[in-house]
Amino acid sequence: MRLFKIIFVALFATVAMAGCGLFKETAEEKLEKTIDENAGFSVFLTQDATEQQKSDLRAWLEKEPGITEVTFEDRATAYAKARQLWTDDPEFLESVDADSLPETFRLKVKDAATAREIRDGADGAELKALPGVHRVIFQCTTVSECRELYSPAAPKPSN
């Protein structure tokens, strides 16, 4: 009986130590978590969006369930960001000025599922049709969408 207990304890310890690796997040699970934690989208305004249209749009966004943060980015802020992002391309920076960049609402949402619901549902269609809205861009909301967006295109077979 004592031998049985020793074998059982040794077996249990071995399985417990090996099993610890079973609970580690995979790379895909980490990416899913990152996507969820950073879920959001941007609403780019038309160049001639009026103050009333911006106000109405902000009110619409703030009442939308699942949107947790609404940030307005004016042209000067967009230009400052562009200058930071494109420091290695002075030719591009010379071709851009603050007036050429759109004002934008940057939105954070509860999670990626919420972003998909807005994007793919009636609310997304309504948002895109609001006066003053030029374009709505959603971040990828699934691992497969991210792979499709950010992976190099597969080479096309030659004939």
N, C-alpha and C. Protein backbone atom coordinates (compact mmCIF):
# COMPACT_ATOMS: atom_id res chain seq x y z
N MET A 1 0.82 -1.20 0.00
CA MET A 1 0.00 0.00 0.00
C MET A 1 0.87 1.27 0.00
N ARG A 2 1.98 1.22 0.75
CA ARG A 2 2.87 2.37 0.81
C ARG A 2 3.47 2.64 -0.56
N LEU A 3 3.86 1.60 -1.30
CA LEU A 3 4.42 1.74 -2.64
C LEU A 3 3.40 2.40 -3.56
N PHE A 4 2.14 2.00 -3.43
CA PHE A 4 1.06 2.57 -4.23
C PHE A 4 0.95 4.08 -3.98
N LYS A 5 1.03 4.53 -2.71
CA LYS A 5 0.95 5.95 -2.36
C LYS A 5 2.12 6.72 -2.96
N ILE A 6 3.33 6.14 -2.89
CA ILE A 6 4.52 6.80 -3.43
C ILE A 6 4.39 6.96 -4.94
N ILE A 7 3.96 5.89 -5.62
CA ILE A 7 3.77 5.95 -7.07
C ILE A 7 2.70 6.98 -7.42
N PHE A 8 1.59 6.98 -6.65
CA PHE A 8 0.50 7.92 -6.90
C PHE A 8 0.98 9.35 -6.74
N VAL A 9 1.72 9.64 -5.67
CA VAL A 9 2.21 10.99 -5.43
C VAL A 9 3.19 11.41 -6.53
N ALA A 10 4.08 10.49 -6.91
CA ALA A 10 5.04 10.80 -7.97
C ALA A 10 4.33 11.05 -9.30
N LEU A 11 3.34 10.22 -9.60
CA LEU A 11 2.57 10.38 -10.83
C LEU A 11 1.81 11.70 -10.81
N PHE A 12 1.18 12.01 -9.66
CA PHE A 12 0.43 13.24 -9.53
C PHE A 12 1.35 14.45 -9.71
N ALA A 13 2.52 14.43 -9.08
CA ALA A 13 3.47 15.54 -9.20
C ALA A 13 3.93 15.72 -10.63
N THR A 14 4.20 14.60 -11.32
CA THR A 14 4.64 14.66 -12.72
C THR A 14 3.55 15.26 -13.60
N VAL A 15 2.33 14.78 -13.43
CA VAL A 15 1.21 15.29 -14.23
C VAL A 15 0.96 16.76 -13.91
N ALA A 16 1.06 17.15 -12.65
CA ALA A 16 0.83 18.54 -12.26
C ALA A 16 1.86 19.46 -12.89
N MET A 17 3.13 19.05 -12.85
CA MET A 17 4.18 19.89 -13.44
C MET A 17 4.03 19.97 -14.95
N ALA A 18 3.72 18.86 -15.59
CA ALA A 18 3.54 18.87 -17.04
C ALA A 18 2.28 19.63 -17.42
N GLY A 19 1.26 19.53 -16.61
CA GLY A 19 0.00 20.18 -16.89
C GLY A 19 0.06 21.68 -16.80
N CYS A 20 1.04 22.22 -16.09
CA CYS A 20 1.14 23.68 -15.98
C CYS A 20 1.28 24.32 -17.35
N GLY A 21 1.95 23.66 -18.25
CA GLY A 21 2.11 24.18 -19.60
C GLY A 21 0.81 24.20 -20.36
N LEU A 22 -0.15 23.39 -19.93
CA LEU A 22 -1.44 23.34 -20.63
C LEU A 22 -2.25 24.61 -20.42
N PHE A 23 -1.94 25.36 -19.37
CA PHE A 23 -2.74 26.53 -19.05
C PHE A 23 -2.14 27.83 -19.56
N LYS A 24 -1.03 27.77 -20.24
CA LYS A 24 -0.42 28.96 -20.81
C LYS A 24 -1.23 29.41 -22.02
N GLU A 25 -1.28 30.71 -22.20
CA GLU A 25 -1.98 31.25 -23.37
C GLU A 25 -1.16 30.97 -24.63
N THR A 26 -1.85 30.60 -25.68
CA THR A 26 -1.18 30.44 -26.96
C THR A 26 -1.02 31.83 -27.57
N ALA A 27 -0.21 31.92 -28.60
CA ALA A 27 -0.01 33.21 -29.29
C ALA A 27 -1.34 33.73 -29.83
N GLU A 28 -2.17 32.83 -30.34
CA GLU A 28 -3.47 33.25 -30.88
C GLU A 28 -4.38 33.76 -29.78
N GLU A 29 -4.37 33.11 -28.62
CA GLU A 29 -5.18 33.58 -27.50
C GLU A 29 -4.71 34.94 -27.01
N LYS A 30 -3.40 35.16 -26.99
CA LYS A 30 -2.86 36.47 -26.59
C LYS A 30 -3.31 37.54 -27.58
N LEU A 31 -3.28 37.21 -28.88
CA LEU A 31 -3.71 38.17 -29.89
C LEU A 31 -5.20 38.47 -29.75
N GLU A 32 -6.01 37.44 -29.50
CA GLU A 32 -7.45 37.66 -29.29
C GLU A 32 -7.68 38.59 -28.10
N LYS A 33 -6.93 38.38 -27.03
CA LYS A 33 -7.07 39.23 -25.85
C LYS A 33 -6.68 40.67 -26.17
N THR A 34 -5.59 40.85 -26.91
CA THR A 34 -5.13 42.18 -27.30
C THR A 34 -6.17 42.87 -28.17
N ILE A 35 -6.73 42.13 -29.13
CA ILE A 35 -7.77 42.67 -30.01
C ILE A 35 -8.96 43.13 -29.17
N ASP A 36 -9.37 42.30 -28.22
CA ASP A 36 -10.50 42.62 -27.36
C ASP A 36 -10.24 43.86 -26.51
N GLU A 37 -9.05 43.93 -25.92
CA GLU A 37 -8.71 45.04 -25.03
C GLU A 37 -8.54 46.37 -25.76
N ASN A 38 -8.24 46.31 -27.05
CA ASN A 38 -7.99 47.53 -27.83
C ASN A 38 -9.05 47.77 -28.90
N ALA A 39 -10.20 47.16 -28.75
CA ALA A 39 -11.24 47.27 -29.76
C ALA A 39 -11.70 48.71 -29.92
N GLY A 40 -11.88 49.10 -31.18
CA GLY A 40 -12.35 50.44 -31.45
C GLY A 40 -12.46 50.72 -32.93
N PHE A 41 -12.80 51.96 -33.24
CA PHE A 41 -12.91 52.36 -34.64
C PHE A 41 -12.79 53.88 -34.73
N SER A 42 -12.68 54.35 -35.95
CA SER A 42 -12.53 55.78 -36.21
C SER A 42 -13.60 56.25 -37.18
N VAL A 43 -14.09 57.44 -36.94
CA VAL A 43 -15.06 58.07 -37.83
C VAL A 43 -14.40 59.32 -38.40
N PHE A 44 -14.10 59.28 -39.69
CA PHE A 44 -13.47 60.41 -40.38
C PHE A 44 -14.58 61.32 -40.91
N LEU A 45 -14.41 62.60 -40.69
CA LEU A 45 -15.43 63.57 -41.09
C LEU A 45 -15.13 64.14 -42.47
N THR A 46 -16.17 64.64 -43.09
CA THR A 46 -15.99 65.32 -44.37
C THR A 46 -15.26 66.63 -44.09
N GLN A 47 -14.60 67.16 -45.11
CA GLN A 47 -13.84 68.41 -44.94
C GLN A 47 -14.76 69.57 -44.56
N ASP A 48 -16.03 69.50 -44.98
CA ASP A 48 -16.94 70.61 -44.72
C ASP A 48 -17.97 70.29 -43.62
N ALA A 49 -17.64 69.35 -42.73
CA ALA A 49 -18.56 69.02 -41.64
C ALA A 49 -18.79 70.26 -40.78
N THR A 50 -20.05 70.54 -40.48
CA THR A 50 -20.39 71.72 -39.69
C THR A 50 -20.27 71.40 -38.20
N GLU A 51 -20.23 72.45 -37.39
CA GLU A 51 -20.18 72.27 -35.93
C GLU A 51 -21.43 71.52 -35.46
N GLN A 52 -22.58 71.81 -36.07
CA GLN A 52 -23.81 71.12 -35.69
C GLN A 52 -23.72 69.63 -36.02
N GLN A 53 -23.18 69.30 -37.19
CA GLN A 53 -23.02 67.89 -37.57
C GLN A 53 -22.07 67.18 -36.60
N LYS A 54 -20.98 67.84 -36.22
CA LYS A 54 -20.04 67.24 -35.27
C LYS A 54 -20.70 67.03 -33.92
N SER A 55 -21.49 68.00 -33.49
CA SER A 55 -22.20 67.90 -32.22
C SER A 55 -23.22 66.76 -32.24
N ASP A 56 -23.96 66.67 -33.34
CA ASP A 56 -24.96 65.60 -33.49
C ASP A 56 -24.28 64.23 -33.54
N LEU A 57 -23.16 64.16 -34.23
CA LEU A 57 -22.42 62.90 -34.32
C LEU A 57 -21.89 62.49 -32.95
N ARG A 58 -21.32 63.44 -32.22
CA ARG A 58 -20.83 63.12 -30.87
C ARG A 58 -21.97 62.60 -30.00
N ALA A 59 -23.13 63.24 -30.07
CA ALA A 59 -24.28 62.81 -29.27
C ALA A 59 -24.70 61.39 -29.67
N TRP A 60 -24.70 61.09 -30.96
CA TRP A 60 -25.06 59.76 -31.44
C TRP A 60 -24.06 58.73 -30.89
N LEU A 61 -22.77 59.05 -30.98
CA LEU A 61 -21.73 58.12 -30.52
C LEU A 61 -21.82 57.90 -29.01
N GLU A 62 -22.06 58.96 -28.26
CA GLU A 62 -22.11 58.85 -26.81
C GLU A 62 -23.32 58.08 -26.31
N LYS A 63 -24.37 58.00 -27.10
CA LYS A 63 -25.55 57.23 -26.68
C LYS A 63 -25.48 55.78 -27.15
N GLU A 64 -24.54 55.47 -28.00
CA GLU A 64 -24.42 54.12 -28.55
C GLU A 64 -23.94 53.14 -27.47
N PRO A 65 -24.74 52.10 -27.17
CA PRO A 65 -24.31 51.12 -26.17
C PRO A 65 -23.01 50.43 -26.60
N GLY A 66 -22.14 50.25 -25.66
CA GLY A 66 -20.88 49.55 -25.94
C GLY A 66 -19.71 50.46 -26.24
N ILE A 67 -19.98 51.71 -26.63
CA ILE A 67 -18.88 52.66 -26.84
C ILE A 67 -18.50 53.20 -25.47
N THR A 68 -17.22 53.01 -25.11
CA THR A 68 -16.77 53.38 -23.77
C THR A 68 -15.99 54.69 -23.74
N GLU A 69 -15.50 55.13 -24.90
CA GLU A 69 -14.72 56.37 -24.93
C GLU A 69 -14.88 57.03 -26.30
N VAL A 70 -15.14 58.33 -26.29
CA VAL A 70 -15.26 59.13 -27.51
C VAL A 70 -14.23 60.26 -27.43
N THR A 71 -13.31 60.28 -28.40
CA THR A 71 -12.28 61.31 -28.44
C THR A 71 -12.32 62.00 -29.80
N PHE A 72 -12.36 63.32 -29.77
CA PHE A 72 -12.33 64.09 -31.01
C PHE A 72 -10.90 64.50 -31.31
N GLU A 73 -10.49 64.29 -32.55
CA GLU A 73 -9.15 64.67 -32.99
C GLU A 73 -9.29 65.73 -34.08
N ASP A 74 -8.81 66.95 -33.78
CA ASP A 74 -8.89 68.01 -34.78
C ASP A 74 -7.77 67.86 -35.80
N ARG A 75 -7.78 68.72 -36.80
CA ARG A 75 -6.78 68.63 -37.88
C ARG A 75 -5.35 68.85 -37.37
N ALA A 76 -5.17 69.77 -36.44
CA ALA A 76 -3.83 70.04 -35.91
C ALA A 76 -3.27 68.82 -35.19
N THR A 77 -4.11 68.13 -34.43
CA THR A 77 -3.69 66.92 -33.74
C THR A 77 -3.36 65.82 -34.74
N ALA A 78 -4.20 65.68 -35.75
CA ALA A 78 -3.95 64.67 -36.80
C ALA A 78 -2.62 64.95 -37.50
N TYR A 79 -2.35 66.22 -37.74
CA TYR A 79 -1.10 66.59 -38.41
C TYR A 79 0.11 66.28 -37.52
N ALA A 80 -0.01 66.58 -36.24
CA ALA A 80 1.08 66.28 -35.31
C ALA A 80 1.34 64.77 -35.25
N LYS A 81 0.29 63.99 -35.25
CA LYS A 81 0.45 62.52 -35.26
C LYS A 81 1.11 62.07 -36.56
N ALA A 82 0.68 62.63 -37.67
CA ALA A 82 1.25 62.26 -38.96
C ALA A 82 2.75 62.56 -38.99
N ARG A 83 3.12 63.70 -38.44
CA ARG A 83 4.55 64.07 -38.40
C ARG A 83 5.35 63.08 -37.57
N GLN A 84 4.77 62.57 -36.51
CA GLN A 84 5.45 61.57 -35.68
C GLN A 84 5.55 60.23 -36.41
N LEU A 85 4.46 59.84 -37.06
CA LEU A 85 4.41 58.52 -37.72
C LEU A 85 5.26 58.45 -38.98
N TRP A 86 5.43 59.57 -39.67
CA TRP A 86 6.09 59.57 -40.97
C TRP A 86 7.43 60.31 -40.94
N THR A 87 8.12 60.28 -39.82
CA THR A 87 9.40 60.99 -39.72
C THR A 87 10.41 60.50 -40.75
N ASP A 88 10.29 59.26 -41.17
CA ASP A 88 11.25 58.70 -42.13
C ASP A 88 10.87 58.97 -43.58
N ASP A 89 9.79 59.73 -43.80
CA ASP A 89 9.35 60.02 -45.16
C ASP A 89 9.09 61.53 -45.31
N PRO A 90 10.16 62.32 -45.35
CA PRO A 90 9.97 63.78 -45.43
C PRO A 90 9.24 64.23 -46.69
N GLU A 91 9.39 63.49 -47.77
CA GLU A 91 8.68 63.85 -49.01
C GLU A 91 7.17 63.78 -48.80
N PHE A 92 6.73 62.74 -48.12
CA PHE A 92 5.30 62.62 -47.82
C PHE A 92 4.86 63.77 -46.92
N LEU A 93 5.65 64.05 -45.89
CA LEU A 93 5.28 65.12 -44.96
C LEU A 93 5.18 66.47 -45.64
N GLU A 94 6.02 66.71 -46.65
CA GLU A 94 5.94 67.97 -47.38
C GLU A 94 4.65 68.08 -48.17
N SER A 95 4.08 66.94 -48.54
CA SER A 95 2.86 66.95 -49.35
C SER A 95 1.59 67.07 -48.51
N VAL A 96 1.74 67.06 -47.19
CA VAL A 96 0.59 67.08 -46.28
C VAL A 96 0.65 68.31 -45.39
N ASP A 97 -0.51 68.90 -45.17
CA ASP A 97 -0.60 69.94 -44.15
C ASP A 97 -1.85 69.68 -43.32
N ALA A 98 -2.00 70.41 -42.24
CA ALA A 98 -3.12 70.16 -41.33
C ALA A 98 -4.47 70.25 -42.02
N ASP A 99 -4.61 71.16 -42.97
CA ASP A 99 -5.90 71.33 -43.64
C ASP A 99 -6.26 70.16 -44.55
N SER A 100 -5.27 69.38 -44.94
CA SER A 100 -5.55 68.24 -45.83
C SER A 100 -5.98 66.99 -45.07
N LEU A 101 -5.87 67.01 -43.74
CA LEU A 101 -6.23 65.85 -42.93
C LEU A 101 -7.63 66.03 -42.35
N PRO A 102 -8.39 64.96 -42.25
CA PRO A 102 -9.76 65.09 -41.74
C PRO A 102 -9.82 65.15 -40.22
N GLU A 103 -10.83 65.81 -39.72
CA GLU A 103 -11.14 65.72 -38.30
C GLU A 103 -11.72 64.33 -38.08
N THR A 104 -11.51 63.80 -36.88
CA THR A 104 -11.84 62.40 -36.64
C THR A 104 -12.35 62.19 -35.22
N PHE A 105 -13.31 61.29 -35.09
CA PHE A 105 -13.69 60.79 -33.78
C PHE A 105 -13.03 59.43 -33.63
N ARG A 106 -12.29 59.24 -32.54
CA ARG A 106 -11.66 57.96 -32.21
C ARG A 106 -12.49 57.32 -31.11
N LEU A 107 -12.91 56.09 -31.33
CA LEU A 107 -13.80 55.43 -30.39
C LEU A 107 -13.17 54.17 -29.81
N LYS A 108 -13.39 53.96 -28.54
CA LYS A 108 -13.06 52.70 -27.87
C LYS A 108 -14.39 52.04 -27.56
N VAL A 109 -14.41 50.72 -27.72
CA VAL A 109 -15.62 49.97 -27.41
C VAL A 109 -15.31 48.90 -26.37
N LYS A 110 -16.37 48.36 -25.80
CA LYS A 110 -16.25 47.40 -24.71
C LYS A 110 -15.35 46.21 -25.09
N ASP A 111 -15.56 45.68 -26.29
CA ASP A 111 -14.77 44.53 -26.74
C ASP A 111 -14.95 44.37 -28.25
N ALA A 112 -14.24 43.41 -28.81
CA ALA A 112 -14.28 43.21 -30.26
C ALA A 112 -15.67 42.80 -30.74
N ALA A 113 -16.39 42.04 -29.93
CA ALA A 113 -17.74 41.63 -30.31
C ALA A 113 -18.64 42.86 -30.48
N THR A 114 -18.48 43.83 -29.61
CA THR A 114 -19.26 45.08 -29.72
C THR A 114 -18.91 45.81 -31.00
N ALA A 115 -17.64 45.87 -31.33
CA ALA A 115 -17.22 46.53 -32.58
C ALA A 115 -17.86 45.83 -33.78
N ARG A 116 -17.87 44.49 -33.78
CA ARG A 116 -18.49 43.74 -34.88
C ARG A 116 -19.99 44.02 -34.96
N GLU A 117 -20.64 44.08 -33.79
CA GLU A 117 -22.09 44.36 -33.77
C GLU A 117 -22.39 45.72 -34.40
N ILE A 118 -21.60 46.72 -34.05
CA ILE A 118 -21.81 48.05 -34.61
C ILE A 118 -21.51 48.03 -36.10
N ARG A 119 -20.36 47.50 -36.47
CA ARG A 119 -19.90 47.49 -37.87
C ARG A 119 -20.88 46.74 -38.78
N ASP A 120 -21.34 45.59 -38.33
CA ASP A 120 -22.13 44.71 -39.19
C ASP A 120 -23.64 44.90 -39.05
N GLY A 121 -24.06 45.73 -38.11
CA GLY A 121 -25.49 45.89 -37.87
C GLY A 121 -26.07 47.17 -38.41
N ALA A 122 -27.32 47.40 -38.06
CA ALA A 122 -28.04 48.60 -38.51
C ALA A 122 -27.38 49.88 -37.99
N ASP A 123 -26.80 49.81 -36.78
CA ASP A 123 -26.16 51.01 -36.23
C ASP A 123 -24.97 51.44 -37.10
N GLY A 124 -24.22 50.48 -37.60
CA GLY A 124 -23.08 50.82 -38.48
C GLY A 124 -23.54 51.49 -39.75
N ALA A 125 -24.62 50.97 -40.33
CA ALA A 125 -25.16 51.57 -41.55
C ALA A 125 -25.68 52.98 -41.27
N GLU A 126 -26.35 53.14 -40.13
CA GLU A 126 -26.87 54.47 -39.76
C GLU A 126 -25.72 55.45 -39.55
N LEU A 127 -24.67 55.00 -38.85
CA LEU A 127 -23.51 55.85 -38.59
C LEU A 127 -22.87 56.33 -39.89
N LYS A 128 -22.67 55.42 -40.82
CA LYS A 128 -22.03 55.77 -42.10
C LYS A 128 -22.86 56.78 -42.90
N ALA A 129 -24.17 56.79 -42.66
CA ALA A 129 -25.06 57.67 -43.42
C ALA A 129 -25.29 59.03 -42.74
N LEU A 130 -24.75 59.22 -41.55
CA LEU A 130 -24.98 60.49 -40.85
C LEU A 130 -24.30 61.64 -41.58
N PRO A 131 -24.93 62.82 -41.59
CA PRO A 131 -24.33 63.99 -42.23
C PRO A 131 -22.98 64.33 -41.58
N GLY A 132 -22.00 64.63 -42.42
CA GLY A 132 -20.68 64.99 -41.94
C GLY A 132 -19.72 63.81 -41.85
N VAL A 133 -20.23 62.58 -41.99
CA VAL A 133 -19.38 61.39 -41.92
C VAL A 133 -18.85 61.08 -43.31
N HIS A 134 -17.53 61.03 -43.42
CA HIS A 134 -16.89 60.66 -44.69
C HIS A 134 -16.67 59.16 -44.75
N ARG A 135 -16.08 58.61 -43.69
CA ARG A 135 -15.74 57.19 -43.71
C ARG A 135 -15.62 56.68 -42.27
N VAL A 136 -16.00 55.41 -42.09
CA VAL A 136 -15.87 54.75 -40.79
C VAL A 136 -14.92 53.57 -40.98
N ILE A 137 -13.86 53.54 -40.17
CA ILE A 137 -12.86 52.48 -40.28
C ILE A 137 -12.79 51.72 -38.96
N PHE A 138 -13.03 50.42 -39.04
CA PHE A 138 -12.94 49.56 -37.86
C PHE A 138 -11.60 48.84 -37.86
N GLN A 139 -11.02 48.72 -36.67
CA GLN A 139 -9.84 47.90 -36.50
C GLN A 139 -10.27 46.45 -36.71
N CYS A 140 -9.31 45.57 -36.93
CA CYS A 140 -9.67 44.17 -37.07
C CYS A 140 -10.28 43.69 -35.75
N THR A 141 -11.27 42.80 -35.84
CA THR A 141 -11.99 42.35 -34.65
C THR A 141 -11.81 40.87 -34.38
N THR A 142 -11.08 40.19 -35.24
CA THR A 142 -10.78 38.77 -35.02
C THR A 142 -9.34 38.52 -35.47
N VAL A 143 -8.79 37.42 -35.03
CA VAL A 143 -7.43 37.06 -35.43
C VAL A 143 -7.36 36.89 -36.94
N SER A 144 -8.38 36.24 -37.52
CA SER A 144 -8.36 36.02 -38.97
C SER A 144 -8.43 37.33 -39.74
N GLU A 145 -9.22 38.30 -39.26
CA GLU A 145 -9.26 39.62 -39.92
C GLU A 145 -7.89 40.29 -39.85
N CYS A 146 -7.22 40.20 -38.71
CA CYS A 146 -5.90 40.82 -38.57
C CYS A 146 -4.90 40.16 -39.51
N ARG A 147 -4.97 38.85 -39.60
CA ARG A 147 -4.06 38.15 -40.52
C ARG A 147 -4.30 38.60 -41.95
N GLU A 148 -5.56 38.71 -42.31
CA GLU A 148 -5.91 39.12 -43.67
C GLU A 148 -5.45 40.55 -43.96
N LEU A 149 -5.61 41.42 -42.97
CA LEU A 149 -5.24 42.83 -43.14
C LEU A 149 -3.73 43.05 -43.16
N TYR A 150 -3.02 42.36 -42.28
CA TYR A 150 -1.62 42.69 -42.06
C TYR A 150 -0.62 41.68 -42.57
N SER A 151 -1.06 40.57 -43.11
CA SER A 151 -0.12 39.60 -43.66
C SER A 151 0.20 39.97 -45.12
N PRO A 152 1.44 39.72 -45.52
CA PRO A 152 1.78 40.01 -46.92
C PRO A 152 0.91 39.16 -47.83
N ALA A 153 0.56 39.71 -48.95
CA ALA A 153 -0.27 38.98 -49.91
C ALA A 153 0.47 37.74 -50.38
N ALA A 154 -0.27 36.68 -50.51
CA ALA A 154 0.32 35.44 -51.01
C ALA A 154 0.70 35.63 -52.48
N PRO A 155 1.84 35.07 -52.87
CA PRO A 155 2.23 35.23 -54.28
C PRO A 155 1.21 34.53 -55.19
N LYS A 156 0.94 35.16 -56.31
CA LYS A 156 0.00 34.58 -57.26
C LYS A 156 0.72 33.56 -58.12
N PRO A 157 0.04 32.45 -58.39
CA PRO A 157 0.70 31.43 -59.22
C PRO A 157 0.93 31.97 -60.62
N SER A 158 2.08 31.62 -61.17
CA SER A 158 2.37 32.05 -62.54
C SER A 158 1.83 31.02 -63.52
N ASN A 159 1.41 31.48 -64.65
CA ASN A 159 0.82 30.57 -65.65
C ASN A 159 1.85 30.09 -66.61
